[in-house]
Amino acid sequence: MALKPWTLRGGVAVLTGAASGIGAALAANLARRGMHLALVDLNPAGLEATAAQARAAGVTASTHVLDVADHAAVAALPAAALARHGRVTALVNNAGVALGGMFEQVAAEDFDWLMDINFGATVRLTRAFLPVLAREDAAQLVNVSSIFGIIAPPGQTAYAASKFAVRGFSESLRHELEMSGSPVGITLVHPGGVRTAISENARLAKGLDSAEVARERANWRSLLALDPASAAEVIAVAMARRAPRVLVGSDAKGAAIVQRLFPVTYWKHVARDIARRIKRK
């Protein structure tokens, strides 16, 4: 059953990770399109700055300071959003964290911490809001994975595992919703290198060489070429079209093609391209 057309204008989006990066840029973009916002993050100052920008565009923006790893807080969020806005027409699961280090260097508790935020929170929020979204004639669930949900670099076992999990969960759930005739569609987002602070704020495995960490961070920083506003525009257009999947950035599109052509050996091709790009910087 085909999804009904819908419009962002006049709708209400719950958006996690809204205090900075892609989340803040997407909030501003959706506000310009006339979408009201329930903004979620742990950072109250950043959250209020995002909300102020949205309100300046003429929409209602509420702020909800909470940790998406807090099960009780997530369970209470739908009631809080409905109390402020009366309805929810979109949920954007954007909040995420990063973790640096090879698998054998990363502590089990750090691995679990990342999985609980990047994947567990996506599942919890989806479970909490799906009945609310299903009340609408048309609603959209937007799950932000990563290009690392398509390719899996060394040193990113936890992050790649979480983003592959978001991809698998989203695709399977989409098929279930299609089978049931649900009005809820799913847009799965795979951003490439977007200029955010996620790598700078990444938790690091203990015992890593500080000079090597600095070099690696500088290398990754040089690959983050797309500004958040441009990424937000791509995501907002995909939401408006109810697109099932969107690749954000030329690097994401290129890596996805290489993975499709070389499903087992893609990394050696991608790694060569990354090395060339770093050398040019």
C-alpha atoms as a PDB file:
ATOM      1  CA  MET A   1       0.000   0.000   0.000  1.00  0.00           C
ATOM      2  CA  ALA A   2       1.469   3.355  -1.073  1.00  0.00           C
ATOM      3  CA  LEU A   3       2.033   6.016   1.555  1.00  0.00           C
ATOM      4  CA  LYS A   4      -0.201   9.061   1.418  1.00  0.00           C
ATOM      5  CA  PRO A   5       1.368  12.382   0.436  1.00  0.00           C
ATOM      6  CA  TRP A   6       2.011  14.677   3.363  1.00  0.00           C
ATOM      7  CA  THR A   7       3.430  18.069   4.174  1.00  0.00           C
ATOM      8  CA  LEU A   8       5.920  19.148   6.789  1.00  0.00           C
ATOM      9  CA  ARG A   9       4.158  22.489   7.278  1.00  0.00           C
ATOM     10  CA  GLY A  10       1.941  22.449  10.322  1.00  0.00           C
ATOM     11  CA  GLY A  11       3.261  19.109  11.532  1.00  0.00           C
ATOM     12  CA  VAL A  12       5.190  18.412  14.741  1.00  0.00           C
ATOM     13  CA  ALA A  13       8.590  16.709  14.786  1.00  0.00           C
ATOM     14  CA  VAL A  14      10.288  15.231  17.837  1.00  0.00           C
ATOM     15  CA  LEU A  15      14.012  15.618  17.144  1.00  0.00           C
ATOM     16  CA  THR A  16      16.778  14.132  19.298  1.00  0.00           C
ATOM     17  CA  GLY A  17      20.357  15.376  19.369  1.00  0.00           C
ATOM     18  CA  ALA A  18      18.975  18.830  18.634  1.00  0.00           C
ATOM     19  CA  ALA A  19      21.506  20.986  20.487  1.00  0.00           C
ATOM     20  CA  SER A  20      24.246  20.896  17.846  1.00  0.00           C
ATOM     21  CA  GLY A  21      25.462  19.511  14.535  1.00  0.00           C
ATOM     22  CA  ILE A  22      23.005  17.912  12.141  1.00  0.00           C
ATOM     23  CA  GLY A  23      20.234  18.061  14.746  1.00  0.00           C
ATOM     24  CA  ALA A  24      20.433  21.813  15.228  1.00  0.00           C
ATOM     25  CA  ALA A  25      20.709  22.431  11.485  1.00  0.00           C
ATOM     26  CA  LEU A  26      17.750  20.153  10.768  1.00  0.00           C
ATOM     27  CA  ALA A  27      15.668  21.912  13.414  1.00  0.00           C
ATOM     28  CA  ALA A  28      16.333  25.252  11.718  1.00  0.00           C
ATOM     29  CA  ASN A  29      15.485  23.805   8.301  1.00  0.00           C
ATOM     30  CA  LEU A  30      12.235  22.187   9.451  1.00  0.00           C
ATOM     31  CA  ALA A  31      11.232  25.394  11.244  1.00  0.00           C
ATOM     32  CA  ARG A  32      11.671  27.365   8.008  1.00  0.00           C
ATOM     33  CA  ARG A  33       9.353  24.817   6.368  1.00  0.00           C
ATOM     34  CA  GLY A  34       6.701  25.520   9.002  1.00  0.00           C
ATOM     35  CA  MET A  35       7.154  22.425  11.175  1.00  0.00           C
ATOM     36  CA  HIS A  36       6.730  22.730  14.938  1.00  0.00           C
ATOM     37  CA  LEU A  37       9.392  21.069  17.061  1.00  0.00           C
ATOM     38  CA  ALA A  38       9.862  19.127  20.287  1.00  0.00           C
ATOM     39  CA  LEU A  39      13.628  19.348  20.721  1.00  0.00           C
ATOM     40  CA  VAL A  40      15.514  16.764  22.771  1.00  0.00           C
ATOM     41  CA  ASP A  41      19.102  16.811  24.045  1.00  0.00           C
ATOM     42  CA  LEU A  42      21.240  16.624  27.177  1.00  0.00           C
ATOM     43  CA  ASN A  43      22.683  20.110  26.603  1.00  0.00           C
ATOM     44  CA  PRO A  44      20.207  22.723  27.901  1.00  0.00           C
ATOM     45  CA  ALA A  45      22.089  25.763  26.608  1.00  0.00           C
ATOM     46  CA  GLY A  46      22.506  24.350  23.110  1.00  0.00           C
ATOM     47  CA  LEU A  47      18.914  23.158  23.123  1.00  0.00           C
ATOM     48  CA  GLU A  48      17.608  26.605  24.018  1.00  0.00           C
ATOM     49  CA  ALA A  49      19.737  28.207  21.274  1.00  0.00           C
ATOM     50  CA  THR A  50      18.248  25.801  18.722  1.00  0.00           C
ATOM     51  CA  ALA A  51      14.736  26.482  20.023  1.00  0.00           C
ATOM     52  CA  ALA A  52      15.230  30.260  19.858  1.00  0.00           C
ATOM     53  CA  GLN A  53      16.272  30.017  16.212  1.00  0.00           C
ATOM     54  CA  ALA A  54      13.227  27.874  15.430  1.00  0.00           C
ATOM     55  CA  ARG A  55      10.859  30.264  17.210  1.00  0.00           C
ATOM     56  CA  ALA A  56      12.299  33.145  15.200  1.00  0.00           C
ATOM     57  CA  ALA A  57      11.043  31.314  12.110  1.00  0.00           C
ATOM     58  CA  GLY A  58       7.507  31.496  13.527  1.00  0.00           C
ATOM     59  CA  VAL A  59       6.956  27.968  14.828  1.00  0.00           C
ATOM     60  CA  THR A  60       6.384  26.528  18.295  1.00  0.00           C
ATOM     61  CA  ALA A  61       9.462  24.839  19.765  1.00  0.00           C
ATOM     62  CA  SER A  62       9.525  23.039  23.102  1.00  0.00           C
ATOM     63  CA  THR A  63      12.707  21.822  24.806  1.00  0.00           C
ATOM     64  CA  HIS A  64      13.104  18.499  26.588  1.00  0.00           C
ATOM     65  CA  VAL A  65      16.380  18.024  28.445  1.00  0.00           C
ATOM     66  CA  LEU A  66      16.936  14.298  28.832  1.00  0.00           C
ATOM     67  CA  ASP A  67      19.350  11.433  28.258  1.00  0.00           C
ATOM     68  CA  VAL A  68      18.057   9.116  25.524  1.00  0.00           C
ATOM     69  CA  ALA A  69      19.688   6.259  27.455  1.00  0.00           C
ATOM     70  CA  ASP A  70      17.287   6.943  30.354  1.00  0.00           C
ATOM     71  CA  HIS A  71      14.466   4.440  29.839  1.00  0.00           C
ATOM     72  CA  ALA A  72      12.012   6.204  32.146  1.00  0.00           C
ATOM     73  CA  ALA A  73      12.644   9.624  30.576  1.00  0.00           C
ATOM     74  CA  VAL A  74      12.100   8.236  27.073  1.00  0.00           C
ATOM     75  CA  ALA A  75       8.884   6.497  28.150  1.00  0.00           C
ATOM     76  CA  ALA A  76       7.580   9.803  29.521  1.00  0.00           C
ATOM     77  CA  LEU A  77       8.539  11.860  26.464  1.00  0.00           C
ATOM     78  CA  PRO A  78       5.457  11.182  24.274  1.00  0.00           C
ATOM     79  CA  ALA A  79       3.131  12.534  26.970  1.00  0.00           C
ATOM     80  CA  ALA A  80       5.342  15.605  27.396  1.00  0.00           C
ATOM     81  CA  ALA A  81       5.440  16.269  23.643  1.00  0.00           C
ATOM     82  CA  LEU A  82       1.670  15.798  23.306  1.00  0.00           C
ATOM     83  CA  ALA A  83       1.043  18.094  26.240  1.00  0.00           C
ATOM     84  CA  ARG A  84       2.966  20.883  24.500  1.00  0.00           C
ATOM     85  CA  HIS A  85       1.940  20.263  20.881  1.00  0.00           C
ATOM     86  CA  GLY A  86      -1.198  18.089  20.813  1.00  0.00           C
ATOM     87  CA  ARG A  87       0.174  15.727  18.165  1.00  0.00           C
ATOM     88  CA  VAL A  88       3.379  14.290  16.712  1.00  0.00           C
ATOM     89  CA  THR A  89       3.754  13.685  12.968  1.00  0.00           C
ATOM     90  CA  ALA A  90       7.473  12.850  12.795  1.00  0.00           C
ATOM     91  CA  LEU A  91      10.130  11.348  15.022  1.00  0.00           C
ATOM     92  CA  VAL A  92      13.767  11.982  14.083  1.00  0.00           C
ATOM     93  CA  ASN A  93      16.186   9.672  15.888  1.00  0.00           C
ATOM     94  CA  ASN A  94      19.370  11.668  15.414  1.00  0.00           C
ATOM     95  CA  ALA A  95      21.195  11.518  18.773  1.00  0.00           C
ATOM     96  CA  GLY A  96      24.472   9.603  18.670  1.00  0.00           C
ATOM     97  CA  VAL A  97      27.945   9.208  20.147  1.00  0.00           C
ATOM     98  CA  ALA A  98      31.294   7.850  18.956  1.00  0.00           C
ATOM     99  CA  LEU A  99      33.989   5.656  20.451  1.00  0.00           C
ATOM    100  CA  GLY A 100      37.629   5.477  19.317  1.00  0.00           C
ATOM    101  CA  GLY A 101      39.859   2.405  19.473  1.00  0.00           C
ATOM    102  CA  MET A 102      40.290  -1.084  18.080  1.00  0.00           C
ATOM    103  CA  PHE A 103      37.875  -3.717  19.400  1.00  0.00           C
ATOM    104  CA  GLU A 104      40.441  -5.315  21.724  1.00  0.00           C
ATOM    105  CA  GLN A 105      41.277  -1.889  23.179  1.00  0.00           C
ATOM    106  CA  VAL A 106      37.694  -0.850  23.850  1.00  0.00           C
ATOM    107  CA  ALA A 107      36.260  -1.719  27.262  1.00  0.00           C
ATOM    108  CA  ALA A 108      33.068  -3.776  27.266  1.00  0.00           C
ATOM    109  CA  GLU A 109      31.214  -1.105  29.241  1.00  0.00           C
ATOM    110  CA  ASP A 110      32.169   1.563  26.690  1.00  0.00           C
ATOM    111  CA  PHE A 111      30.984  -0.636  23.825  1.00  0.00           C
ATOM    112  CA  ASP A 112      27.673  -1.196  25.620  1.00  0.00           C
ATOM    113  CA  TRP A 113      27.364   2.542  26.405  1.00  0.00           C
ATOM    114  CA  LEU A 114      27.587   3.413  22.706  1.00  0.00           C
ATOM    115  CA  MET A 115      25.183   0.677  21.622  1.00  0.00           C
ATOM    116  CA  ASP A 116      22.627   1.780  24.204  1.00  0.00           C
ATOM    117  CA  ILE A 117      22.614   5.340  22.857  1.00  0.00           C
ATOM    118  CA  ASN A 118      23.059   4.828  19.115  1.00  0.00           C
ATOM    119  CA  PHE A 119      20.854   1.765  18.735  1.00  0.00           C
ATOM    120  CA  GLY A 120      19.011   1.108  21.985  1.00  0.00           C
ATOM    121  CA  ALA A 121      17.624   4.644  22.179  1.00  0.00           C
ATOM    122  CA  THR A 122      16.451   4.457  18.569  1.00  0.00           C
ATOM    123  CA  VAL A 123      14.470   1.329  19.417  1.00  0.00           C
ATOM    124  CA  ARG A 124      13.113   2.774  22.681  1.00  0.00           C
ATOM    125  CA  LEU A 125      12.015   6.055  21.112  1.00  0.00           C
ATOM    126  CA  THR A 126      10.441   4.254  18.168  1.00  0.00           C
ATOM    127  CA  ARG A 127       8.518   1.964  20.524  1.00  0.00           C
ATOM    128  CA  ALA A 128       7.372   4.959  22.577  1.00  0.00           C
ATOM    129  CA  PHE A 129       6.227   7.110  19.646  1.00  0.00           C
ATOM    130  CA  LEU A 130       4.964   4.604  17.077  1.00  0.00           C
ATOM    131  CA  PRO A 131       1.439   4.462  18.556  1.00  0.00           C
ATOM    132  CA  VAL A 132       1.347   8.279  18.565  1.00  0.00           C
ATOM    133  CA  LEU A 133       2.523   8.504  14.954  1.00  0.00           C
ATOM    134  CA  ALA A 134       0.019   5.839  13.890  1.00  0.00           C
ATOM    135  CA  ARG A 135      -2.883   8.116  14.940  1.00  0.00           C
ATOM    136  CA  GLU A 136      -2.081  10.412  12.016  1.00  0.00           C
ATOM    137  CA  ASP A 137      -3.241  10.035   8.422  1.00  0.00           C
ATOM    138  CA  ALA A 138       0.433  10.312   7.469  1.00  0.00           C
ATOM    139  CA  ALA A 139       3.513  10.319   9.680  1.00  0.00           C
ATOM    140  CA  GLN A 140       7.214   9.699   9.256  1.00  0.00           C
ATOM    141  CA  LEU A 141       9.926   8.020  11.313  1.00  0.00           C
ATOM    142  CA  VAL A 142      13.436   9.232  10.448  1.00  0.00           C
ATOM    143  CA  ASN A 143      16.351   7.134  11.706  1.00  0.00           C
ATOM    144  CA  VAL A 144      19.853   8.508  11.262  1.00  0.00           C
ATOM    145  CA  SER A 145      22.341   5.728  10.560  1.00  0.00           C
ATOM    146  CA  SER A 146      25.679   6.585   8.890  1.00  0.00           C
ATOM    147  CA  ILE A 147      27.792   5.643   5.918  1.00  0.00           C
ATOM    148  CA  PHE A 148      29.308   3.379   8.584  1.00  0.00           C
ATOM    149  CA  GLY A 149      25.992   1.545   8.460  1.00  0.00           C
ATOM    150  CA  ILE A 150      26.978   0.524   4.914  1.00  0.00           C
ATOM    151  CA  ILE A 151      30.765   0.215   5.195  1.00  0.00           C
ATOM    152  CA  ALA A 152      32.688  -0.812   8.322  1.00  0.00           C
ATOM    153  CA  PRO A 153      36.163   0.709   8.826  1.00  0.00           C
ATOM    154  CA  PRO A 154      38.746  -0.651  11.258  1.00  0.00           C
ATOM    155  CA  GLY A 155      38.712   1.112  14.612  1.00  0.00           C
ATOM    156  CA  GLN A 156      34.921   1.586  14.427  1.00  0.00           C
ATOM    157  CA  THR A 157      33.566  -1.772  15.586  1.00  0.00           C
ATOM    158  CA  ALA A 158      31.130  -0.311  18.115  1.00  0.00           C
ATOM    159  CA  TYR A 159      29.994   2.615  15.970  1.00  0.00           C
ATOM    160  CA  ALA A 160      29.611   0.532  12.804  1.00  0.00           C
ATOM    161  CA  ALA A 161      27.772  -2.198  14.719  1.00  0.00           C
ATOM    162  CA  SER A 162      25.305   0.358  16.078  1.00  0.00           C
ATOM    163  CA  LYS A 163      24.709   1.988  12.711  1.00  0.00           C
ATOM    164  CA  PHE A 164      24.330  -1.339  10.880  1.00  0.00           C
ATOM    165  CA  ALA A 165      21.814  -2.237  13.618  1.00  0.00           C
ATOM    166  CA  VAL A 166      19.868   0.989  13.001  1.00  0.00           C
ATOM    167  CA  ARG A 167      19.795   0.115   9.306  1.00  0.00           C
ATOM    168  CA  GLY A 168      18.577  -3.454   9.835  1.00  0.00           C
ATOM    169  CA  PHE A 169      15.975  -2.401  12.396  1.00  0.00           C
ATOM    170  CA  SER A 170      14.658   0.369  10.153  1.00  0.00           C
ATOM    171  CA  GLU A 171      14.441  -1.769   7.008  1.00  0.00           C
ATOM    172  CA  SER A 172      12.696  -4.646   8.770  1.00  0.00           C
ATOM    173  CA  LEU A 173      10.277  -2.302  10.536  1.00  0.00           C
ATOM    174  CA  ARG A 174       9.515  -0.560   7.242  1.00  0.00           C
ATOM    175  CA  HIS A 175       8.501  -3.889   5.716  1.00  0.00           C
ATOM    176  CA  GLU A 176       6.287  -4.644   8.717  1.00  0.00           C
ATOM    177  CA  LEU A 177       4.581  -1.249   8.506  1.00  0.00           C
ATOM    178  CA  GLU A 178       4.033  -1.661   4.772  1.00  0.00           C
ATOM    179  CA  MET A 179       2.460  -5.081   5.319  1.00  0.00           C
ATOM    180  CA  SER A 180       0.093  -3.728   7.957  1.00  0.00           C
ATOM    181  CA  GLY A 181      -0.980  -0.700   5.924  1.00  0.00           C
ATOM    182  CA  SER A 182       0.351   1.693   8.563  1.00  0.00           C
ATOM    183  CA  PRO A 183       0.327   5.430   7.775  1.00  0.00           C
ATOM    184  CA  VAL A 184       3.869   5.640   9.191  1.00  0.00           C
ATOM    185  CA  GLY A 185       6.718   5.704   6.688  1.00  0.00           C
ATOM    186  CA  ILE A 186      10.418   5.375   7.443  1.00  0.00           C
ATOM    187  CA  THR A 187      13.296   7.421   6.076  1.00  0.00           C
ATOM    188  CA  LEU A 188      16.705   5.860   6.761  1.00  0.00           C
ATOM    189  CA  VAL A 189      19.531   8.420   6.616  1.00  0.00           C
ATOM    190  CA  HIS A 190      23.167   7.584   5.841  1.00  0.00           C
ATOM    191  CA  PRO A 191      25.312  10.736   6.270  1.00  0.00           C
ATOM    192  CA  GLY A 192      28.922  10.775   5.137  1.00  0.00           C
ATOM    193  CA  GLY A 193      31.488  13.245   6.451  1.00  0.00           C
ATOM    194  CA  VAL A 194      29.507  16.114   7.979  1.00  0.00           C
ATOM    195  CA  ARG A 195      31.311  18.837   9.941  1.00  0.00           C
ATOM    196  CA  THR A 196      30.081  18.096  13.456  1.00  0.00           C
ATOM    197  CA  ALA A 197      31.858  17.677  16.779  1.00  0.00           C
ATOM    198  CA  ILE A 198      31.074  13.959  17.143  1.00  0.00           C
ATOM    199  CA  SER A 199      34.669  12.844  16.517  1.00  0.00           C
ATOM    200  CA  GLU A 200      36.073  15.541  18.817  1.00  0.00           C
ATOM    201  CA  ASN A 201      33.674  14.462  21.551  1.00  0.00           C
ATOM    202  CA  ALA A 202      34.240  10.746  21.032  1.00  0.00           C
ATOM    203  CA  ARG A 203      34.996   8.592  24.053  1.00  0.00           C
ATOM    204  CA  LEU A 204      38.435   6.966  23.701  1.00  0.00           C
ATOM    205  CA  ALA A 205      39.690   3.563  24.726  1.00  0.00           C
ATOM    206  CA  LYS A 206      42.127   3.701  27.645  1.00  0.00           C
ATOM    207  CA  GLY A 207      45.836   3.568  26.924  1.00  0.00           C
ATOM    208  CA  LEU A 208      45.786   5.075  23.437  1.00  0.00           C
ATOM    209  CA  ASP A 209      48.832   7.089  22.425  1.00  0.00           C
ATOM    210  CA  SER A 210      47.884  10.775  22.656  1.00  0.00           C
ATOM    211  CA  ALA A 211      49.977  11.790  19.630  1.00  0.00           C
ATOM    212  CA  GLU A 212      48.376   9.063  17.515  1.00  0.00           C
ATOM    213  CA  VAL A 213      44.921  10.105  18.692  1.00  0.00           C
ATOM    214  CA  ALA A 214      45.657  13.706  17.696  1.00  0.00           C
ATOM    215  CA  ARG A 215      46.826  12.590  14.231  1.00  0.00           C
ATOM    216  CA  GLU A 216      43.760  10.395  13.713  1.00  0.00           C
ATOM    217  CA  ARG A 217      41.403  13.146  14.804  1.00  0.00           C
ATOM    218  CA  ALA A 218      43.077  15.590  12.432  1.00  0.00           C
ATOM    219  CA  ASN A 219      42.762  13.068   9.594  1.00  0.00           C
ATOM    220  CA  TRP A 220      39.070  12.450  10.250  1.00  0.00           C
ATOM    221  CA  ARG A 221      38.445  16.187  10.655  1.00  0.00           C
ATOM    222  CA  SER A 222      39.888  16.766   7.186  1.00  0.00           C
ATOM    223  CA  LEU A 223      37.320  14.346   5.743  1.00  0.00           C
ATOM    224  CA  LEU A 224      34.311  16.133   7.232  1.00  0.00           C
ATOM    225  CA  ALA A 225      33.612  18.294   4.213  1.00  0.00           C
ATOM    226  CA  LEU A 226      29.847  18.775   4.250  1.00  0.00           C
ATOM    227  CA  ASP A 227      28.418  21.552   6.407  1.00  0.00           C
ATOM    228  CA  PRO A 228      25.467  20.593   8.638  1.00  0.00           C
ATOM    229  CA  ALA A 229      23.077  22.996   6.905  1.00  0.00           C
ATOM    230  CA  SER A 230      23.629  21.259   3.561  1.00  0.00           C
ATOM    231  CA  ALA A 231      23.139  17.862   5.188  1.00  0.00           C
ATOM    232  CA  ALA A 232      19.940  19.107   6.837  1.00  0.00           C
ATOM    233  CA  GLU A 233      18.557  20.264   3.491  1.00  0.00           C
ATOM    234  CA  VAL A 234      19.065  16.807   1.987  1.00  0.00           C
ATOM    235  CA  ILE A 235      17.386  15.156   4.982  1.00  0.00           C
ATOM    236  CA  ALA A 236      14.450  17.586   5.030  1.00  0.00           C
ATOM    237  CA  VAL A 237      13.788  17.045   1.315  1.00  0.00           C
ATOM    238  CA  ALA A 238      13.913  13.269   1.854  1.00  0.00           C
ATOM    239  CA  MET A 239      11.421  13.621   4.737  1.00  0.00           C
ATOM    240  CA  ALA A 240       9.081  15.710   2.594  1.00  0.00           C
ATOM    241  CA  ARG A 241       9.227  13.096  -0.168  1.00  0.00           C
ATOM    242  CA  ARG A 242       8.863  10.251   2.347  1.00  0.00           C
ATOM    243  CA  ALA A 243      11.949   8.693   0.751  1.00  0.00           C
ATOM    244  CA  PRO A 244      12.817   5.258   2.192  1.00  0.00           C
ATOM    245  CA  ARG A 245      16.569   5.934   2.149  1.00  0.00           C
ATOM    246  CA  VAL A 246      18.879   8.861   1.557  1.00  0.00           C
ATOM    247  CA  LEU A 247      22.668   9.068   1.231  1.00  0.00           C
ATOM    248  CA  VAL A 248      23.970  12.426   2.434  1.00  0.00           C
ATOM    249  CA  GLY A 249      27.129  13.705   0.739  1.00  0.00           C
ATOM    250  CA  SER A 250      29.151  12.674  -2.286  1.00  0.00           C
ATOM    251  CA  ASP A 251      31.488  10.609  -0.106  1.00  0.00           C
ATOM    252  CA  ALA A 252      28.575   8.552   1.210  1.00  0.00           C
ATOM    253  CA  LYS A 253      27.268   8.000  -2.312  1.00  0.00           C
ATOM    254  CA  GLY A 254      30.717   6.993  -3.570  1.00  0.00           C
ATOM    255  CA  ALA A 255      31.393   4.599  -0.699  1.00  0.00           C
ATOM    256  CA  ALA A 256      27.977   2.971  -1.117  1.00  0.00           C
ATOM    257  CA  ILE A 257      28.690   2.336  -4.799  1.00  0.00           C
ATOM    258  CA  VAL A 258      32.089   0.808  -4.019  1.00  0.00           C
ATOM    259  CA  GLN A 259      30.531  -1.438  -1.354  1.00  0.00           C
ATOM    260  CA  ARG A 260      27.915  -2.618  -3.833  1.00  0.00           C
ATOM    261  CA  LEU A 261      30.540  -3.380  -6.489  1.00  0.00           C
ATOM    262  CA  PHE A 262      32.995  -5.023  -4.069  1.00  0.00           C
ATOM    263  CA  PRO A 263      30.913  -6.347  -1.146  1.00  0.00           C
ATOM    264  CA  VAL A 264      33.836  -8.213   0.449  1.00  0.00           C
ATOM    265  CA  THR A 265      36.929  -6.228  -0.564  1.00  0.00           C
ATOM    266  CA  TYR A 266      35.459  -2.712  -0.601  1.00  0.00           C
ATOM    267  CA  TRP A 267      37.583  -1.479   2.300  1.00  0.00           C
ATOM    268  CA  LYS A 268      40.888  -1.590   0.436  1.00  0.00           C
ATOM    269  CA  HIS A 269      39.363   0.594  -2.296  1.00  0.00           C
ATOM    270  CA  VAL A 270      37.756   3.011   0.158  1.00  0.00           C
ATOM    271  CA  ALA A 271      40.921   3.193   2.287  1.00  0.00           C
ATOM    272  CA  ARG A 272      42.990   4.146  -0.771  1.00  0.00           C
ATOM    273  CA  ASP A 273      40.564   6.944  -1.593  1.00  0.00           C
ATOM    274  CA  ILE A 274      40.603   8.192   2.020  1.00  0.00           C
ATOM    275  CA  ALA A 275      44.434   8.202   2.033  1.00  0.00           C
ATOM    276  CA  ARG A 276      44.462  10.268  -1.174  1.00  0.00           C
ATOM    277  CA  ARG A 277      41.984  12.764   0.230  1.00  0.00           C
ATOM    278  CA  ILE A 278      43.939  13.164   3.468  1.00  0.00           C
ATOM    279  CA  LYS A 279      47.192  13.668   1.539  1.00  0.00           C
ATOM    280  CA  ARG A 280      45.621  16.458  -0.520  1.00  0.00           C
ATOM    281  CA  LYS A 281      44.641  18.416   2.622  1.00  0.00           C
END
